[in-house]
N, C-alpha and C. Protein backbone atom coordinates (compact mmCIF):
# COMPACT_ATOMS: atom_id res chain seq x y z
N MET A 1 10.58 -9.11 13.04
CA MET A 1 9.59 -8.86 11.83
C MET A 1 9.01 -7.51 12.15
N LYS A 2 8.73 -6.92 11.01
CA LYS A 2 8.40 -5.69 10.42
C LYS A 2 6.95 -5.04 10.80
N LYS A 3 6.79 -3.82 11.50
CA LYS A 3 5.32 -3.52 11.93
C LYS A 3 4.36 -2.91 10.78
N ILE A 4 3.16 -3.45 10.71
CA ILE A 4 2.73 -2.70 9.47
C ILE A 4 1.66 -1.83 9.65
N HIS A 5 1.53 -0.73 8.84
CA HIS A 5 1.24 0.33 8.92
C HIS A 5 0.29 0.52 7.68
N LYS A 6 -1.06 0.56 7.86
CA LYS A 6 -2.22 0.09 6.64
C LYS A 6 -2.49 1.46 6.00
N THR A 7 -2.49 1.42 4.74
CA THR A 7 -3.15 2.70 4.37
C THR A 7 -4.03 2.54 3.10
N HIS A 8 -5.20 3.11 3.23
CA HIS A 8 -6.52 3.05 2.42
C HIS A 8 -7.12 4.20 1.48
N ILE A 9 -6.96 3.98 0.51
CA ILE A 9 -7.10 5.09 -0.33
C ILE A 9 -8.40 4.58 -1.64
N GLN A 10 -9.26 5.47 -1.40
CA GLN A 10 -10.83 5.65 -2.07
C GLN A 10 -10.42 6.93 -3.26
N THR A 11 -10.62 6.80 -4.36
CA THR A 11 -10.42 7.26 -5.21
C THR A 11 -11.91 7.20 -6.38
N ARG A 12 -11.99 8.12 -7.53
CA ARG A 12 -12.60 8.07 -8.42
C ARG A 12 -11.86 8.46 -9.56
N THR A 13 -11.70 7.78 -10.88
CA THR A 13 -11.19 7.95 -11.90
C THR A 13 -11.86 7.63 -13.20
N SER A 14 -10.78 7.88 -13.99
CA SER A 14 -11.35 7.43 -15.30
C SER A 14 -11.30 6.04 -15.89
N PRO A 15 -11.79 5.54 -16.46
CA PRO A 15 -11.36 3.76 -16.70
C PRO A 15 -10.36 3.89 -17.54
N ARG A 16 -9.97 4.68 -18.30
CA ARG A 16 -8.77 4.54 -18.88
C ARG A 16 -7.29 4.47 -18.10
N TYR A 17 -7.49 4.46 -17.05
CA TYR A 17 -6.12 4.38 -16.07
C TYR A 17 -6.69 2.74 -15.39
N SER A 18 -5.74 1.79 -15.51
CA SER A 18 -5.76 0.77 -14.87
C SER A 18 -5.70 0.96 -13.46
N PRO A 19 -6.17 -0.26 -12.75
CA PRO A 19 -5.82 -0.60 -11.25
C PRO A 19 -4.17 -0.30 -10.66
N SER A 20 -3.53 -0.96 -11.73
CA SER A 20 -2.20 -1.67 -11.31
C SER A 20 -1.37 -0.02 -11.66
N PHE A 21 -1.72 0.92 -12.17
CA PHE A 21 -1.09 2.05 -12.68
C PHE A 21 -1.39 3.02 -11.55
N LEU A 22 -2.83 3.19 -11.19
CA LEU A 22 -3.25 3.74 -10.18
C LEU A 22 -2.22 3.68 -8.69
N ALA A 23 -2.38 2.18 -8.61
CA ALA A 23 -1.77 1.96 -7.29
C ALA A 23 -0.37 1.98 -7.24
N ASN A 24 0.28 1.88 -8.30
CA ASN A 24 1.81 2.41 -8.47
C ASN A 24 2.06 3.77 -8.44
N TYR A 25 1.09 4.57 -8.89
CA TYR A 25 1.58 6.08 -9.18
C TYR A 25 0.86 6.68 -7.56
N PHE A 26 0.07 6.13 -6.91
CA PHE A 26 -0.03 6.62 -5.71
C PHE A 26 1.18 6.31 -4.48
N LYS A 27 1.75 5.05 -4.66
CA LYS A 27 2.96 4.81 -3.84
C LYS A 27 3.88 5.70 -4.36
N GLY A 28 4.10 5.92 -5.54
CA GLY A 28 5.45 6.38 -6.00
C GLY A 28 5.27 7.74 -5.56
N LYS A 29 4.17 8.64 -5.66
CA LYS A 29 3.97 10.04 -5.37
C LYS A 29 3.97 10.11 -3.53
N SER A 30 3.63 9.06 -3.38
CA SER A 30 3.41 9.41 -1.78
C SER A 30 4.76 9.06 -0.95
N ALA A 31 5.43 8.06 -1.51
CA ALA A 31 6.60 7.58 -1.05
C ALA A 31 7.93 9.03 -1.19
N ARG A 32 7.56 9.68 -2.12
CA ARG A 32 8.54 10.90 -2.37
C ARG A 32 8.23 11.85 -1.40
N LYS A 33 6.86 12.22 -1.29
CA LYS A 33 6.55 13.34 -0.25
C LYS A 33 6.84 13.15 1.23
N ILE A 34 6.73 11.67 1.52
CA ILE A 34 6.76 10.91 2.67
C ILE A 34 8.25 11.30 2.80
N LEU A 35 9.41 10.81 2.11
CA LEU A 35 10.78 11.07 2.23
C LEU A 35 11.22 12.27 2.21
N GLN A 36 10.24 13.25 1.60
CA GLN A 36 10.58 14.86 1.66
C GLN A 36 10.35 15.31 2.85
N ARG A 37 9.42 15.01 3.87
CA ARG A 37 8.97 15.41 4.99
C ARG A 37 9.63 14.66 6.23
N PHE A 38 9.76 13.37 5.91
CA PHE A 38 10.49 12.47 7.01
C PHE A 38 12.05 12.02 6.38
N PRO A 39 13.11 12.67 6.18
CA PRO A 39 14.14 12.19 5.61
C PRO A 39 14.57 11.05 6.77
N GLU A 40 14.41 10.98 8.09
CA GLU A 40 14.63 9.92 8.74
C GLU A 40 14.47 8.40 8.01
N LEU A 41 13.23 8.34 7.43
CA LEU A 41 12.55 7.04 6.87
C LEU A 41 13.69 6.73 5.78
N ARG A 42 14.33 7.50 5.09
CA ARG A 42 15.50 6.87 4.17
C ARG A 42 16.15 5.86 4.46
N SER A 43 16.41 5.91 5.93
CA SER A 43 17.45 4.69 6.49
C SER A 43 16.71 3.68 6.05
N TYR A 44 15.08 3.60 6.45
CA TYR A 44 14.38 2.59 6.91
C TYR A 44 14.42 1.98 4.95
N LYS A 45 14.20 2.86 4.21
CA LYS A 45 13.79 2.70 2.66
C LYS A 45 15.19 1.63 2.56
N SER A 46 16.65 2.55 3.24
CA SER A 46 17.81 1.51 2.39
C SER A 46 17.53 0.19 3.18
N ARG A 47 17.16 0.22 4.31
CA ARG A 47 17.55 -0.97 4.92
C ARG A 47 16.69 -1.98 4.16
N TYR A 48 15.36 -1.69 4.02
CA TYR A 48 13.97 -2.88 3.48
C TYR A 48 14.04 -2.65 1.96
N GLY A 49 14.70 -1.81 1.23
CA GLY A 49 14.65 -1.71 -0.19
C GLY A 49 13.66 -0.89 -0.74
N ARG A 50 12.56 -0.31 -0.05
CA ARG A 50 11.17 0.27 -0.21
C ARG A 50 10.86 0.58 0.52
N LEU A 51 9.97 1.67 0.55
CA LEU A 51 9.26 2.13 1.66
C LEU A 51 7.61 1.26 1.75
N TRP A 52 6.89 1.15 0.46
CA TRP A 52 5.76 0.42 0.48
C TRP A 52 5.93 -1.22 0.25
N SER A 53 4.88 -2.03 0.29
CA SER A 53 4.96 -3.34 -0.02
C SER A 53 4.59 -3.49 -1.83
N ARG A 54 4.80 -4.51 -2.37
CA ARG A 54 4.62 -4.92 -3.57
C ARG A 54 3.49 -4.81 -3.98
N SER A 55 2.52 -5.15 -2.78
CA SER A 55 1.33 -5.60 -3.01
C SER A 55 0.20 -4.75 -3.01
N TYR A 56 -0.90 -5.10 -3.42
CA TYR A 56 -2.02 -3.69 -3.30
C TYR A 56 -3.23 -4.75 -3.66
N PHE A 57 -4.38 -4.00 -3.34
CA PHE A 57 -5.86 -4.76 -3.47
C PHE A 57 -6.60 -3.66 -3.92
N VAL A 58 -7.30 -3.95 -5.10
CA VAL A 58 -8.36 -3.21 -5.40
C VAL A 58 -9.53 -3.85 -5.89
N ALA A 59 -10.89 -2.84 -5.48
CA ALA A 59 -11.77 -3.36 -5.65
C ALA A 59 -12.97 -2.08 -6.08
N THR A 60 -14.19 -2.60 -6.95
CA THR A 60 -15.00 -1.46 -7.09
C THR A 60 -15.84 -1.52 -5.74
N VAL A 61 -16.18 -0.25 -5.55
CA VAL A 61 -17.34 0.32 -4.41
C VAL A 61 -18.51 -0.70 -4.68
N GLY A 62 -19.29 -1.30 -3.44
CA GLY A 62 -20.34 -2.35 -3.71
C GLY A 62 -20.00 -3.74 -4.28
N LYS A 63 -19.00 -4.18 -4.34
CA LYS A 63 -18.62 -5.37 -5.14
C LYS A 63 -17.97 -6.22 -3.58
N VAL A 64 -17.27 -5.85 -3.04
CA VAL A 64 -16.37 -6.48 -1.90
C VAL A 64 -16.84 -5.80 -0.09
N GLY A 65 -16.94 -6.88 0.26
CA GLY A 65 -17.48 -6.31 1.31
C GLY A 65 -16.56 -6.48 2.83
N ILE A 66 -16.39 -5.64 3.63
CA ILE A 66 -15.22 -5.41 4.52
C ILE A 66 -14.44 -6.63 4.87
N ASP A 67 -14.97 -7.59 5.19
CA ASP A 67 -14.23 -8.98 5.54
C ASP A 67 -13.35 -9.21 4.22
N VAL A 68 -13.82 -9.15 3.16
CA VAL A 68 -12.96 -9.47 2.49
C VAL A 68 -11.43 -8.74 2.06
N ILE A 69 -11.67 -7.30 2.16
CA ILE A 69 -10.63 -6.54 2.46
C ILE A 69 -9.61 -6.83 3.69
N LYS A 70 -10.19 -7.28 4.53
CA LYS A 70 -9.70 -7.71 6.17
C LYS A 70 -9.02 -8.76 5.86
N ARG A 71 -9.53 -9.77 5.30
CA ARG A 71 -8.65 -11.22 5.00
C ARG A 71 -7.81 -10.71 3.93
N TYR A 72 -7.75 -10.10 3.15
CA TYR A 72 -6.87 -9.99 2.05
C TYR A 72 -5.48 -9.16 2.98
N ILE A 73 -5.49 -8.29 3.74
CA ILE A 73 -4.60 -7.88 4.79
C ILE A 73 -4.02 -8.84 5.43
N GLU A 74 -4.63 -9.27 6.24
CA GLU A 74 -4.51 -10.25 7.30
C GLU A 74 -3.19 -11.63 6.18
N GLU A 75 -3.99 -11.76 4.87
CA GLU A 75 -2.84 -12.81 4.37
C GLU A 75 -1.64 -12.09 4.02
N GLN A 76 -2.00 -11.05 3.37
CA GLN A 76 -0.42 -10.44 3.01
C GLN A 76 0.40 -10.05 4.33
N SER A 77 -0.25 -9.71 5.21
CA SER A 77 0.89 -9.93 6.47
C SER A 77 1.47 -10.97 6.97
N ARG A 78 0.55 -12.10 6.63
CA ARG A 78 1.36 -13.26 7.06
C ARG A 78 2.21 -13.84 6.16
N ILE A 79 2.34 -13.15 4.55
CA ILE A 79 3.33 -13.71 3.49
C ILE A 79 4.25 -12.82 3.85
N GLU A 80 4.40 -11.59 4.39
CA GLU A 80 5.39 -10.88 4.53
C GLU A 80 6.07 -10.73 5.94
N GLY A 81 5.43 -11.73 6.46
CA GLY A 81 5.95 -11.73 8.17
C GLY A 81 6.02 -10.20 9.00
N VAL A 82 4.65 -9.65 8.80
CA VAL A 82 4.96 -8.55 9.47
C VAL A 82 3.80 -8.61 10.60
N VAL A 83 4.41 -7.92 11.92
CA VAL A 83 3.33 -8.04 12.77
C VAL A 83 2.46 -6.65 13.05
N GLU A 84 1.33 -6.68 13.60
CA GLU A 84 0.88 -5.52 13.63
C GLU A 84 0.84 -5.21 15.17
């Protein structure tokens, strides 16, 4: 089983950008920077096919409690076979 590493991003943006666009944008840019800084992770990427999971969670501030976010992360970990 894979070990999970969680990333949380809080951002303020224009409403013209969709949540899916922003999630994929951040994943793409951060993956490029991480792989530049830590080239040894390229073997992980080639082994598993990607650096980041395809899933993401987006919520506006004040609409969702921390318990909902934790439940989402736990469910994704169970689905993807990840161990903390």
